[in-house]
Amino acid sequence: MNKLDIVGQIANLKEIDYKNTLAITSIIELLIEKGILDSDEVAAKAQYLEAQTLSEIRRNNRFGIRTDFR
């Protein structure tokens, strides 16, 4: 695999990430508009999941990888 292949794969991942983010954002916005969720619930859940994820990463960090992303 050469550098051009890697750059191409990274570009594809960025495009996929963008499309996934757009889809998720659209779904969240529709749920908020329909009154099924409110933005505070979404924000609270996102903060909870982020804390859980970072906590799990720190707990399982056997390789000394930097985890202080803030």
Protein backbone atom coordinates (compact mmCIF):
# COMPACT_ATOMS: atom_id res chain seq x y z
CA MET A 1 0.00 0.00 0.00
CA ASN A 2 1.49 3.33 -1.02
CA LYS A 3 0.94 6.84 0.32
CA LEU A 4 -1.57 7.68 -2.41
CA ASP A 5 -3.73 4.69 -1.43
CA ILE A 6 -3.63 5.75 2.22
CA VAL A 7 -4.56 9.35 1.37
CA GLY A 8 -7.44 8.08 -0.75
CA GLN A 9 -8.70 5.85 2.05
CA ILE A 10 -8.52 8.73 4.53
CA ALA A 11 -10.52 10.91 2.13
CA ASN A 12 -13.15 8.16 1.86
CA LEU A 13 -13.35 7.87 5.65
CA LYS A 14 -13.83 11.62 5.97
CA GLU A 15 -16.69 11.51 3.45
CA ILE A 16 -18.33 8.59 5.25
CA ASP A 17 -17.90 10.34 8.60
CA TYR A 18 -19.48 13.50 7.21
CA LYS A 19 -22.48 11.59 5.83
CA ASN A 20 -22.97 9.68 9.09
CA THR A 21 -22.77 12.89 11.11
CA LEU A 22 -25.28 14.57 8.81
CA ALA A 23 -27.70 11.64 9.12
CA ILE A 24 -27.44 11.52 12.91
CA THR A 25 -27.85 15.29 13.21
CA SER A 26 -30.91 15.20 10.95
CA ILE A 27 -32.54 12.46 13.03
CA ILE A 28 -31.85 14.30 16.29
CA GLU A 29 -33.22 17.57 14.88
CA LEU A 30 -36.39 15.84 13.67
CA LEU A 31 -36.95 14.19 17.05
CA ILE A 32 -36.53 17.56 18.76
CA GLU A 33 -38.87 19.30 16.28
CA LYS A 34 -41.54 16.63 16.86
CA GLY A 35 -41.25 17.03 20.62
CA ILE A 36 -40.04 13.47 21.17
CA LEU A 37 -36.76 14.69 22.64
CA ASP A 38 -35.54 18.04 23.82
CA SER A 39 -32.08 19.45 23.28
CA ASP A 40 -31.23 19.26 26.99
CA GLU A 41 -31.89 15.50 26.99
CA VAL A 42 -29.67 15.03 23.96
CA ALA A 43 -26.88 17.13 25.48
CA ALA A 44 -27.10 15.31 28.82
CA LYS A 45 -26.96 11.89 27.15
CA ALA A 46 -24.00 12.94 24.99
CA GLN A 47 -22.10 14.14 28.06
CA TYR A 48 -22.91 10.91 29.91
CA LEU A 49 -21.77 8.71 27.01
CA GLU A 50 -18.60 10.74 26.53
CA ALA A 51 -17.75 10.41 30.21
CA GLN A 52 -18.42 6.66 30.09
CA THR A 53 -16.28 6.25 26.99
CA LEU A 54 -13.37 8.28 28.36
CA SER A 55 -13.61 6.46 31.67
CA GLU A 56 -13.50 3.10 29.89
CA ILE A 57 -10.55 4.18 27.76
CA ARG A 58 -8.63 5.32 30.83
CA ARG A 59 -9.48 2.13 32.72
CA ASN A 60 -8.36 -0.09 29.84
CA ASN A 61 -5.35 2.00 28.84
CA ARG A 62 -2.57 -0.59 29.06
CA PHE A 63 -0.29 1.11 26.56
CA GLY A 64 0.13 4.52 28.19
CA ILE A 65 -1.71 6.26 25.37
CA ARG A 66 -2.59 9.90 26.04
CA THR A 67 -6.22 10.22 27.15
CA ASP A 68 -6.40 13.83 28.37
CA PHE A 69 -8.16 15.11 25.25
CA ARG A 70 -9.66 18.22 26.81
